[in-house]
């Protein structure tokens, strides 16, 4: 993610966190893209991978005017659930109600 013109990594769940209590939600403004990428960083760095979640069915809007909420939680110690929802952009673009739910095997 970009924050104050610097690229940063946003940690939504950390190794060692209790999977049944671990939940995160963040709102993002997308810049010229119709997907969200997650880096899965297990303790064994050789198994690092990237998961790309395409935002199919989401509205196409001007750059930096797509606001989404990203929620993550876990079904078990090996399965993460990601839910992305269109939040609209104030009075300019009302929410369409579009959402995607994806299970990711860790």
PDB file of N, CA and C in Angstrom:
ATOM      1  N   UNK A   1       0.831  -1.173   0.000  1.00  0.00           N
ATOM      2  CA  UNK A   1       0.000   0.000   0.000  1.00  0.00           C
ATOM      3  C   UNK A   1       0.877   1.239   0.000  1.00  0.00           C
ATOM      4  N   UNK A   2       0.325   2.352  -0.440  1.00  0.00           N
ATOM      5  CA  UNK A   2       1.009   3.642  -0.406  1.00  0.00           C
ATOM      6  C   UNK A   2       0.476   4.423   0.783  1.00  0.00           C
ATOM      7  N   UNK A   3       1.373   5.006   1.538  1.00  0.00           N
ATOM      8  CA  UNK A   3       0.993   5.872   2.641  1.00  0.00           C
ATOM      9  C   UNK A   3       1.982   7.010   2.695  1.00  0.00           C
ATOM     10  N   UNK A   4       1.488   8.233   2.509  1.00  0.00           N
ATOM     11  CA  UNK A   4       2.318   9.433   2.494  1.00  0.00           C
ATOM     12  C   UNK A   4       3.464   9.275   1.497  1.00  0.00           C
ATOM     13  N   UNK A   5       3.122   8.854   0.280  1.00  0.00           N
ATOM     14  CA  UNK A   5       4.049   8.694  -0.843  1.00  0.00           C
ATOM     15  C   UNK A   5       5.138   7.658  -0.611  1.00  0.00           C
ATOM     16  N   UNK A   6       4.941   6.755   0.329  1.00  0.00           N
ATOM     17  CA  UNK A   6       5.895   5.671   0.558  1.00  0.00           C
ATOM     18  C   UNK A   6       5.154   4.348   0.480  1.00  0.00           C
ATOM     19  N   UNK A   7       5.799   3.366  -0.124  1.00  0.00           N
ATOM     20  CA  UNK A   7       5.202   2.043  -0.180  1.00  0.00           C
ATOM     21  C   UNK A   7       5.442   1.340   1.145  1.00  0.00           C
ATOM     22  N   UNK A   8       4.344   0.816   1.709  1.00  0.00           N
ATOM     23  CA  UNK A   8       4.429   0.142   3.001  1.00  0.00           C
ATOM     24  C   UNK A   8       3.682  -1.171   2.940  1.00  0.00           C
ATOM     25  N   UNK A   9       4.024  -2.046   3.843  1.00  0.00           N
ATOM     26  CA  UNK A   9       3.335  -3.319   3.973  1.00  0.00           C
ATOM     27  C   UNK A   9       2.351  -3.208   5.134  1.00  0.00           C
ATOM     28  N   UNK A  10       1.114  -3.638   4.894  1.00  0.00           N
ATOM     29  CA  UNK A  10       0.083  -3.605   5.916  1.00  0.00           C
ATOM     30  C   UNK A  10      -0.146  -5.032   6.396  1.00  0.00           C
ATOM     31  N   UNK A  11       0.106  -5.290   7.668  1.00  0.00           N
ATOM     32  CA  UNK A  11      -0.050  -6.634   8.231  1.00  0.00           C
ATOM     33  C   UNK A  11      -1.476  -6.768   8.754  1.00  0.00           C
ATOM     34  N   UNK A  12      -2.219  -7.733   8.190  1.00  0.00           N
ATOM     35  CA  UNK A  12      -3.589  -7.975   8.618  1.00  0.00           C
ATOM     36  C   UNK A  12      -3.684  -9.116   9.625  1.00  0.00           C
ATOM     37  N   UNK A  13      -2.730 -10.015   9.604  1.00  0.00           N
ATOM     38  CA  UNK A  13      -2.645 -11.099  10.587  1.00  0.00           C
ATOM     39  C   UNK A  13      -1.181 -11.499  10.703  1.00  0.00           C
ATOM     40  N   UNK A  14      -0.751 -11.737  11.904  1.00  0.00           N
ATOM     41  CA  UNK A  14       0.659 -12.062  12.129  1.00  0.00           C
ATOM     42  C   UNK A  14       0.806 -13.500  12.615  1.00  0.00           C
ATOM     43  N   UNK A  15       1.934 -14.108  12.265  1.00  0.00           N
ATOM     44  CA  UNK A  15       2.237 -15.454  12.748  1.00  0.00           C
ATOM     45  C   UNK A  15       2.238 -15.431  14.264  1.00  0.00           C
ATOM     46  N   UNK A  16       1.664 -16.450  14.849  1.00  0.00           N
ATOM     47  CA  UNK A  16       1.593 -16.529  16.296  1.00  0.00           C
ATOM     48  C   UNK A  16       0.288 -16.005  16.868  1.00  0.00           C
ATOM     49  N   UNK A  17      -0.475 -15.232  16.058  1.00  0.00           N
ATOM     50  CA  UNK A  17      -1.788 -14.788  16.513  1.00  0.00           C
ATOM     51  C   UNK A  17      -2.724 -15.992  16.594  1.00  0.00           C
ATOM     52  N   UNK A  18      -3.645 -15.964  17.505  1.00  0.00           N
ATOM     53  CA  UNK A  18      -4.635 -17.021  17.628  1.00  0.00           C
ATOM     54  C   UNK A  18      -5.607 -16.912  16.454  1.00  0.00           C
ATOM     55  N   UNK A  19      -5.684 -17.940  15.608  1.00  0.00           N
ATOM     56  CA  UNK A  19      -6.489 -17.871  14.385  1.00  0.00           C
ATOM     57  C   UNK A  19      -7.968 -17.678  14.676  1.00  0.00           C
ATOM     58  N   UNK A  20      -8.479 -18.234  15.767  1.00  0.00           N
ATOM     59  CA  UNK A  20      -9.914 -18.123  16.031  1.00  0.00           C
ATOM     60  C   UNK A  20     -10.305 -16.750  16.567  1.00  0.00           C
ATOM     61  N   UNK A  21      -9.351 -15.965  17.039  1.00  0.00           N
ATOM     62  CA  UNK A  21      -9.622 -14.606  17.501  1.00  0.00           C
ATOM     63  C   UNK A  21      -9.172 -13.542  16.505  1.00  0.00           C
ATOM     64  N   UNK A  22      -8.410 -13.937  15.517  1.00  0.00           N
ATOM     65  CA  UNK A  22      -7.792 -12.977  14.605  1.00  0.00           C
ATOM     66  C   UNK A  22      -8.786 -12.488  13.548  1.00  0.00           C
ATOM     67  N   UNK A  23      -9.076 -11.199  13.586  1.00  0.00           N
ATOM     68  CA  UNK A  23      -9.943 -10.557  12.607  1.00  0.00           C
ATOM     69  C   UNK A  23      -9.368  -9.172  12.334  1.00  0.00           C
ATOM     70  N   UNK A  24      -9.433  -8.755  11.083  1.00  0.00           N
ATOM     71  CA  UNK A  24      -8.949  -7.429  10.719  1.00  0.00           C
ATOM     72  C   UNK A  24      -9.877  -6.820   9.692  1.00  0.00           C
ATOM     73  N   UNK A  25      -9.972  -5.499   9.716  1.00  0.00           N
ATOM     74  CA  UNK A  25     -10.713  -4.777   8.691  1.00  0.00           C
ATOM     75  C   UNK A  25      -9.986  -3.481   8.409  1.00  0.00           C
ATOM     76  N   UNK A  26      -9.901  -3.150   7.134  1.00  0.00           N
ATOM     77  CA  UNK A  26      -9.244  -1.921   6.724  1.00  0.00           C
ATOM     78  C   UNK A  26      -9.984  -1.377   5.507  1.00  0.00           C
ATOM     79  N   UNK A  27     -10.013  -0.057   5.366  1.00  0.00           N
ATOM     80  CA  UNK A  27     -10.580   0.557   4.174  1.00  0.00           C
ATOM     81  C   UNK A  27      -9.428   1.067   3.322  1.00  0.00           C
ATOM     82  N   UNK A  28      -9.540   0.823   2.024  1.00  0.00           N
ATOM     83  CA  UNK A  28      -8.504   1.212   1.075  1.00  0.00           C
ATOM     84  C   UNK A  28      -9.100   2.011  -0.072  1.00  0.00           C
ATOM     85  N   UNK A  29      -8.328   2.895  -0.636  1.00  0.00           N
ATOM     86  CA  UNK A  29      -8.684   3.575  -1.882  1.00  0.00           C
ATOM     87  C   UNK A  29      -7.744   3.029  -2.940  1.00  0.00           C
ATOM     88  N   UNK A  30      -8.340   2.427  -3.979  1.00  0.00           N
ATOM     89  CA  UNK A  30      -7.539   1.778  -5.008  1.00  0.00           C
ATOM     90  C   UNK A  30      -7.057   2.791  -6.037  1.00  0.00           C
ATOM     91  N   UNK A  31      -5.836   2.589  -6.481  1.00  0.00           N
ATOM     92  CA  UNK A  31      -5.232   3.480  -7.465  1.00  0.00           C
ATOM     93  C   UNK A  31      -4.998   2.711  -8.752  1.00  0.00           C
ATOM     94  N   UNK A  32      -5.870   2.925  -9.722  1.00  0.00           N
ATOM     95  CA  UNK A  32      -5.696   2.393 -11.072  1.00  0.00           C
ATOM     96  C   UNK A  32      -5.507   0.872 -11.089  1.00  0.00           C
ATOM     97  N   UNK A  33      -6.361   0.150 -10.355  1.00  0.00           N
ATOM     98  CA  UNK A  33      -6.292  -1.309 -10.383  1.00  0.00           C
ATOM     99  C   UNK A  33      -7.649  -1.887 -10.009  1.00  0.00           C
ATOM    100  N   UNK A  34      -7.909  -3.105 -10.469  1.00  0.00           N
ATOM    101  CA  UNK A  34      -9.169  -3.786 -10.175  1.00  0.00           C
ATOM    102  C   UNK A  34      -8.898  -5.109  -9.452  1.00  0.00           C
ATOM    103  N   UNK A  35      -7.906  -5.101  -8.592  1.00  0.00           N
ATOM    104  CA  UNK A  35      -7.535  -6.282  -7.829  1.00  0.00           C
ATOM    105  C   UNK A  35      -6.852  -5.851  -6.533  1.00  0.00           C
ATOM    106  N   UNK A  36      -6.765  -6.813  -5.609  1.00  0.00           N
ATOM    107  CA  UNK A  36      -6.009  -6.612  -4.370  1.00  0.00           C
ATOM    108  C   UNK A  36      -5.074  -7.799  -4.235  1.00  0.00           C
ATOM    109  N   UNK A  37      -3.825  -7.540  -3.880  1.00  0.00           N
ATOM    110  CA  UNK A  37      -2.845  -8.610  -3.697  1.00  0.00           C
ATOM    111  C   UNK A  37      -2.523  -8.773  -2.218  1.00  0.00           C
ATOM    112  N   UNK A  38      -2.427 -10.035  -1.816  1.00  0.00           N
ATOM    113  CA  UNK A  38      -2.028 -10.378  -0.459  1.00  0.00           C
ATOM    114  C   UNK A  38      -0.742 -11.169  -0.524  1.00  0.00           C
ATOM    115  N   UNK A  39       0.209 -10.835   0.324  1.00  0.00           N
ATOM    116  CA  UNK A  39       1.433 -11.623   0.444  1.00  0.00           C
ATOM    117  C   UNK A  39       1.266 -12.548   1.634  1.00  0.00           C
ATOM    118  N   UNK A  40       1.400 -13.833   1.374  1.00  0.00           N
ATOM    119  CA  UNK A  40       1.326 -14.837   2.429  1.00  0.00           C
ATOM    120  C   UNK A  40       2.765 -15.159   2.815  1.00  0.00           C
ATOM    121  N   UNK A  41       3.130 -14.821   4.045  1.00  0.00           N
ATOM    122  CA  UNK A  41       4.503 -14.968   4.502  1.00  0.00           C
ATOM    123  C   UNK A  41       4.583 -15.961   5.652  1.00  0.00           C
ATOM    124  N   UNK A  42       4.642 -17.258   5.354  1.00  0.00           N
ATOM    125  CA  UNK A  42       4.777 -18.234   6.438  1.00  0.00           C
ATOM    126  C   UNK A  42       6.168 -18.152   7.063  1.00  0.00           C
ATOM    127  N   UNK A  43       6.347 -18.844   8.168  1.00  0.00           N
ATOM    128  CA  UNK A  43       7.653 -18.798   8.827  1.00  0.00           C
ATOM    129  C   UNK A  43       8.746 -19.360   7.927  1.00  0.00           C
ATOM    130  N   UNK A  44       8.412 -20.328   7.088  1.00  0.00           N
ATOM    131  CA  UNK A  44       9.356 -20.850   6.105  1.00  0.00           C
ATOM    132  C   UNK A  44       9.296 -19.925   4.886  1.00  0.00           C
ATOM    133  N   UNK A  45      10.252 -18.987   4.776  1.00  0.00           N
ATOM    134  CA  UNK A  45      10.218 -17.965   3.725  1.00  0.00           C
ATOM    135  C   UNK A  45      10.270 -18.545   2.313  1.00  0.00           C
ATOM    136  N   UNK A  46      10.695 -19.779   2.165  1.00  0.00           N
ATOM    137  CA  UNK A  46      10.709 -20.400   0.839  1.00  0.00           C
ATOM    138  C   UNK A  46       9.295 -20.661   0.334  1.00  0.00           C
ATOM    139  N   UNK A  47       8.317 -20.658   1.233  1.00  0.00           N
ATOM    140  CA  UNK A  47       6.922 -20.908   0.863  1.00  0.00           C
ATOM    141  C   UNK A  47       6.121 -19.617   0.695  1.00  0.00           C
ATOM    142  N   UNK A  48       6.820 -18.492   0.627  1.00  0.00           N
ATOM    143  CA  UNK A  48       6.169 -17.197   0.429  1.00  0.00           C
ATOM    144  C   UNK A  48       5.437 -17.197  -0.907  1.00  0.00           C
ATOM    145  N   UNK A  49       4.227 -16.590  -0.916  1.00  0.00           N
ATOM    146  CA  UNK A  49       3.478 -16.507  -2.166  1.00  0.00           C
ATOM    147  C   UNK A  49       2.563 -15.297  -2.150  1.00  0.00           C
ATOM    148  N   UNK A  50       2.079 -14.942  -3.322  1.00  0.00           N
ATOM    149  CA  UNK A  50       1.169 -13.819  -3.475  1.00  0.00           C
ATOM    150  C   UNK A  50      -0.160 -14.332  -3.995  1.00  0.00           C
ATOM    151  N   UNK A  51      -1.241 -13.852  -3.397  1.00  0.00           N
ATOM    152  CA  UNK A  51      -2.591 -14.197  -3.831  1.00  0.00           C
ATOM    153  C   UNK A  51      -3.218 -12.927  -4.392  1.00  0.00           C
ATOM    154  N   UNK A  52      -3.696 -13.016  -5.626  1.00  0.00           N
ATOM    155  CA  UNK A  52      -4.308 -11.869  -6.285  1.00  0.00           C
ATOM    156  C   UNK A  52      -5.816 -12.086  -6.339  1.00  0.00           C
ATOM    157  N   UNK A  53      -6.568 -11.152  -5.775  1.00  0.00           N
ATOM    158  CA  UNK A  53      -8.019 -11.226  -5.732  1.00  0.00           C
ATOM    159  C   UNK A  53      -8.583 -10.208  -6.720  1.00  0.00           C
ATOM    160  N   UNK A  54      -9.107 -10.719  -7.841  1.00  0.00           N
ATOM    161  CA  UNK A  54      -9.698  -9.858  -8.875  1.00  0.00           C
ATOM    162  C   UNK A  54     -11.039  -9.329  -8.373  1.00  0.00           C
ATOM    163  N   UNK A  55     -11.305  -8.062  -8.585  1.00  0.00           N
ATOM    164  CA  UNK A  55     -12.543  -7.441  -8.117  1.00  0.00           C
ATOM    165  C   UNK A  55     -13.591  -7.458  -9.232  1.00  0.00           C
ATOM    166  N   UNK A  56     -13.958  -8.654  -9.647  1.00  0.00           N
ATOM    167  CA  UNK A  56     -14.957  -8.827 -10.698  1.00  0.00           C
ATOM    168  C   UNK A  56     -16.313  -8.341 -10.203  1.00  0.00           C
ATOM    169  N   UNK A  57     -17.011  -7.604 -11.043  1.00  0.00           N
ATOM    170  CA  UNK A  57     -18.324  -7.084 -10.682  1.00  0.00           C
ATOM    171  C   UNK A  57     -18.279  -5.772  -9.923  1.00  0.00           C
ATOM    172  N   UNK A  58     -17.074  -5.284  -9.619  1.00  0.00           N
ATOM    173  CA  UNK A  58     -16.952  -3.997  -8.952  1.00  0.00           C
ATOM    174  C   UNK A  58     -17.031  -2.885  -9.989  1.00  0.00           C
ATOM    175  N   UNK A  59     -17.473  -1.705  -9.582  1.00  0.00           N
ATOM    176  CA  UNK A  59     -17.614  -0.611 -10.547  1.00  0.00           C
ATOM    177  C   UNK A  59     -16.264  -0.115 -11.062  1.00  0.00           C
ATOM    178  N   UNK A  60     -16.274   0.360 -12.293  1.00  0.00           N
ATOM    179  CA  UNK A  60     -15.089   1.003 -12.868  1.00  0.00           C
ATOM    180  C   UNK A  60     -15.283   2.501 -12.670  1.00  0.00           C
ATOM    181  N   UNK A  61     -14.364   3.108 -11.936  1.00  0.00           N
ATOM    182  CA  UNK A  61     -14.468   4.538 -11.634  1.00  0.00           C
ATOM    183  C   UNK A  61     -13.155   5.227 -11.950  1.00  0.00           C
ATOM    184  N   UNK A  62     -13.170   6.540 -11.828  1.00  0.00           N
ATOM    185  CA  UNK A  62     -11.946   7.316 -12.017  1.00  0.00           C
ATOM    186  C   UNK A  62     -10.890   6.855 -11.024  1.00  0.00           C
ATOM    187  N   UNK A  63      -9.612   7.104 -11.375  1.00  0.00           N
ATOM    188  CA  UNK A  63      -8.496   6.736 -10.511  1.00  0.00           C
ATOM    189  C   UNK A  63      -8.676   7.340  -9.119  1.00  0.00           C
ATOM    190  N   UNK A  64      -8.383   6.564  -8.108  1.00  0.00           N
ATOM    191  CA  UNK A  64      -8.457   6.950  -6.692  1.00  0.00           C
ATOM    192  C   UNK A  64      -9.873   7.294  -6.236  1.00  0.00           C
ATOM    193  N   UNK A  65     -10.881   6.694  -6.874  1.00  0.00           N
ATOM    194  CA  UNK A  65     -12.254   6.925  -6.423  1.00  0.00           C
ATOM    195  C   UNK A  65     -12.987   5.618  -6.150  1.00  0.00           C
ATOM    196  N   UNK A  66     -12.232   4.517  -6.041  1.00  0.00           N
ATOM    197  CA  UNK A  66     -12.805   3.233  -5.635  1.00  0.00           C
ATOM    198  C   UNK A  66     -12.356   2.970  -4.206  1.00  0.00           C
ATOM    199  N   UNK A  67     -13.320   3.017  -3.284  1.00  0.00           N
ATOM    200  CA  UNK A  67     -13.031   2.777  -1.868  1.00  0.00           C
ATOM    201  C   UNK A  67     -13.638   1.433  -1.496  1.00  0.00           C
ATOM    202  N   UNK A  68     -12.836   0.579  -0.884  1.00  0.00           N
ATOM    203  CA  UNK A  68     -13.296  -0.753  -0.511  1.00  0.00           C
ATOM    204  C   UNK A  68     -12.946  -1.028   0.949  1.00  0.00           C
ATOM    205  N   UNK A  69     -13.740  -1.907   1.563  1.00  0.00           N
ATOM    206  CA  UNK A  69     -13.352  -2.428   2.871  1.00  0.00           C
ATOM    207  C   UNK A  69     -12.845  -3.842   2.640  1.00  0.00           C
ATOM    208  N   UNK A  70     -11.789  -4.186   3.341  1.00  0.00           N
ATOM    209  CA  UNK A  70     -11.204  -5.518   3.269  1.00  0.00           C
ATOM    210  C   UNK A  70     -11.258  -6.105   4.669  1.00  0.00           C
ATOM    211  N   UNK A  71     -11.954  -7.232   4.802  1.00  0.00           N
ATOM    212  CA  UNK A  71     -12.069  -7.920   6.079  1.00  0.00           C
ATOM    213  C   UNK A  71     -11.423  -9.284   5.947  1.00  0.00           C
ATOM    214  N   UNK A  72     -10.658  -9.668   6.947  1.00  0.00           N
ATOM    215  CA  UNK A  72     -10.104 -11.023   6.958  1.00  0.00           C
ATOM    216  C   UNK A  72     -10.414 -11.679   8.289  1.00  0.00           C
ATOM    217  N   UNK A  73     -10.546 -12.986   8.208  1.00  0.00           N
ATOM    218  CA  UNK A  73     -10.764 -13.818   9.377  1.00  0.00           C
ATOM    219  C   UNK A  73     -10.304 -15.221   9.011  1.00  0.00           C
ATOM    220  N   UNK A  74     -10.475 -16.172   9.901  1.00  0.00           N
ATOM    221  CA  UNK A  74      -9.987 -17.524   9.661  1.00  0.00           C
ATOM    222  C   UNK A  74     -11.056 -18.549  10.005  1.00  0.00           C
ATOM    223  N   UNK A  75     -11.195 -19.552   9.131  1.00  0.00           N
ATOM    224  CA  UNK A  75     -12.081 -20.679   9.405  1.00  0.00           C
ATOM    225  C   UNK A  75     -11.375 -21.697  10.282  1.00  0.00           C
ATOM    226  N   UNK A  76     -10.072 -21.853  10.054  1.00  0.00           N
ATOM    227  CA  UNK A  76      -9.221 -22.733  10.845  1.00  0.00           C
ATOM    228  C   UNK A  76      -7.783 -22.269  10.658  1.00  0.00           C
ATOM    229  N   UNK A  77      -6.833 -23.011  11.215  1.00  0.00           N
ATOM    230  CA  UNK A  77      -5.425 -22.573  11.165  1.00  0.00           C
ATOM    231  C   UNK A  77      -4.839 -22.575   9.763  1.00  0.00           C
ATOM    232  N   UNK A  78      -5.512 -23.172   8.790  1.00  0.00           N
ATOM    233  CA  UNK A  78      -4.997 -23.253   7.414  1.00  0.00           C
ATOM    234  C   UNK A  78      -5.862 -22.515   6.393  1.00  0.00           C
ATOM    235  N   UNK A  79      -6.976 -21.873   6.823  1.00  0.00           N
ATOM    236  CA  UNK A  79      -7.885 -21.247   5.871  1.00  0.00           C
ATOM    237  C   UNK A  79      -8.244 -19.825   6.294  1.00  0.00           C
ATOM    238  N   UNK A  80      -7.852 -18.870   5.464  1.00  0.00           N
ATOM    239  CA  UNK A  80      -8.175 -17.464   5.677  1.00  0.00           C
ATOM    240  C   UNK A  80      -9.354 -17.107   4.776  1.00  0.00           C
ATOM    241  N   UNK A  81     -10.263 -16.287   5.287  1.00  0.00           N
ATOM    242  CA  UNK A  81     -11.390 -15.805   4.499  1.00  0.00           C
ATOM    243  C   UNK A  81     -11.223 -14.304   4.310  1.00  0.00           C
ATOM    244  N   UNK A  82     -11.319 -13.868   3.050  1.00  0.00           N
ATOM    245  CA  UNK A  82     -11.202 -12.458   2.714  1.00  0.00           C
ATOM    246  C   UNK A  82     -12.543 -12.001   2.137  1.00  0.00           C
ATOM    247  N   UNK A  83     -13.063 -10.891   2.638  1.00  0.00           N
ATOM    248  CA  UNK A  83     -14.291 -10.296   2.105  1.00  0.00           C
ATOM    249  C   UNK A  83     -13.958  -8.857   1.718  1.00  0.00           C
ATOM    250  N   UNK A  84     -14.226  -8.522   0.460  1.00  0.00           N
ATOM    251  CA  UNK A  84     -13.994  -7.164  -0.039  1.00  0.00           C
ATOM    252  C   UNK A  84     -15.344  -6.589  -0.446  1.00  0.00           C
ATOM    253  N   UNK A  85     -15.642  -5.361   0.018  1.00  0.00           N
ATOM    254  CA  UNK A  85     -16.919  -4.714  -0.287  1.00  0.00           C
ATOM    255  C   UNK A  85     -16.693  -3.316  -0.842  1.00  0.00           C
ATOM    256  N   UNK A  86     -17.495  -2.962  -1.847  1.00  0.00           N
ATOM    257  CA  UNK A  86     -17.478  -1.609  -2.397  1.00  0.00           C
ATOM    258  C   UNK A  86     -18.113  -0.665  -1.384  1.00  0.00           C
ATOM    259  N   UNK A  87     -17.393   0.392  -1.004  1.00  0.00           N
ATOM    260  CA  UNK A  87     -17.893   1.348  -0.022  1.00  0.00           C
ATOM    261  C   UNK A  87     -18.383   2.645  -0.661  1.00  0.00           C
ATOM    262  N   UNK A  88     -18.287   2.732  -2.001  1.00  0.00           N
ATOM    263  CA  UNK A  88     -18.661   3.982  -2.640  1.00  0.00           C
ATOM    264  C   UNK A  88     -17.605   5.040  -2.385  1.00  0.00           C
ATOM    265  N   UNK A  89     -17.890   6.255  -2.799  1.00  0.00           N
ATOM    266  CA  UNK A  89     -16.946   7.350  -2.571  1.00  0.00           C
ATOM    267  C   UNK A  89     -17.742   8.623  -2.312  1.00  0.00           C
ATOM    268  N   UNK A  90     -18.264   8.709  -1.104  1.00  0.00           N
ATOM    269  CA  UNK A  90     -19.030   9.884  -0.697  1.00  0.00           C
ATOM    270  C   UNK A  90     -20.243  10.123  -1.575  1.00  0.00           C
ATOM    271  N   UNK A  91     -20.547  11.377  -1.810  1.00  0.00           N
ATOM    272  CA  UNK A  91     -21.691  11.747  -2.641  1.00  0.00           C
ATOM    273  C   UNK A  91     -21.414  11.543  -4.125  1.00  0.00           C
ATOM    274  N   UNK A  92     -20.147  11.431  -4.479  1.00  0.00           N
ATOM    275  CA  UNK A  92     -19.794  11.293  -5.891  1.00  0.00           C
ATOM    276  C   UNK A  92     -20.192   9.934  -6.456  1.00  0.00           C
ATOM    277  N   UNK A  93     -19.920   8.882  -5.708  1.00  0.00           N
ATOM    278  CA  UNK A  93     -20.195   7.518  -6.157  1.00  0.00           C
ATOM    279  C   UNK A  93     -20.793   6.718  -4.997  1.00  0.00           C
ATOM    280  N   UNK A  94     -22.102   6.513  -5.006  1.00  0.00           N
ATOM    281  CA  UNK A  94     -22.687   5.693  -3.936  1.00  0.00           C
ATOM    282  C   UNK A  94     -22.226   4.239  -4.055  1.00  0.00           C
ATOM    283  N   UNK A  95     -22.258   3.526  -2.955  1.00  0.00           N
ATOM    284  CA  UNK A  95     -21.872   2.112  -2.958  1.00  0.00           C
ATOM    285  C   UNK A  95     -22.797   1.324  -3.873  1.00  0.00           C
ATOM    286  N   UNK A  96     -22.222   0.381  -4.606  1.00  0.00           N
ATOM    287  CA  UNK A  96     -23.022  -0.484  -5.475  1.00  0.00           C
ATOM    288  C   UNK A  96     -23.458  -1.748  -4.743  1.00  0.00           C
ATOM    289  N   UNK A  97     -22.897  -1.977  -3.569  1.00  0.00           N
ATOM    290  CA  UNK A  97     -23.204  -3.200  -2.835  1.00  0.00           C
ATOM    291  C   UNK A  97     -22.386  -4.392  -3.309  1.00  0.00           C
ATOM    292  N   UNK A  98     -21.490  -4.187  -4.270  1.00  0.00           N
ATOM    293  CA  UNK A  98     -20.658  -5.288  -4.781  1.00  0.00           C
ATOM    294  C   UNK A  98     -19.764  -5.827  -3.670  1.00  0.00           C
ATOM    295  N   UNK A  99     -19.618  -7.143  -3.633  1.00  0.00           N
ATOM    296  CA  UNK A  99     -18.716  -7.757  -2.659  1.00  0.00           C
ATOM    297  C   UNK A  99     -18.205  -9.084  -3.202  1.00  0.00           C
ATOM    298  N   UNK A 100     -17.064  -9.486  -2.673  1.00  0.00           N
ATOM    299  CA  UNK A 100     -16.436 -10.756  -3.044  1.00  0.00           C
ATOM    300  C   UNK A 100     -15.989 -11.441  -1.756  1.00  0.00           C
ATOM    301  N   UNK A 101     -16.212 -12.745  -1.693  1.00  0.00           N
ATOM    302  CA  UNK A 101     -15.726 -13.543  -0.560  1.00  0.00           C
ATOM    303  C   UNK A 101     -14.826 -14.626  -1.134  1.00  0.00           C
ATOM    304  N   UNK A 102     -13.618 -14.737  -0.615  1.00  0.00           N
ATOM    305  CA  UNK A 102     -12.647 -15.711  -1.132  1.00  0.00           C
ATOM    306  C   UNK A 102     -11.995 -16.435   0.038  1.00  0.00           C
ATOM    307  N   UNK A 103     -11.952 -17.746  -0.043  1.00  0.00           N
ATOM    308  CA  UNK A 103     -11.210 -18.540   0.939  1.00  0.00           C
ATOM    309  C   UNK A 103      -9.810 -18.780   0.382  1.00  0.00           C
ATOM    310  N   UNK A 104      -8.803 -18.588   1.222  1.00  0.00           N
ATOM    311  CA  UNK A 104      -7.417 -18.739   0.819  1.00  0.00           C
ATOM    312  C   UNK A 104      -6.781 -19.797   1.709  1.00  0.00           C
ATOM    313  N   UNK A 105      -6.255 -20.859   1.097  1.00  0.00           N
ATOM    314  CA  UNK A 105      -5.560 -21.896   1.850  1.00  0.00           C
ATOM    315  C   UNK A 105      -4.159 -21.416   2.161  1.00  0.00           C
ATOM    316  N   UNK A 106      -3.791 -21.481   3.409  1.00  0.00           N
ATOM    317  CA  UNK A 106      -2.464 -21.049   3.819  1.00  0.00           C
ATOM    318  C   UNK A 106      -1.539 -22.241   3.768  1.00  0.00           C
TER     319      UNK A 106
END
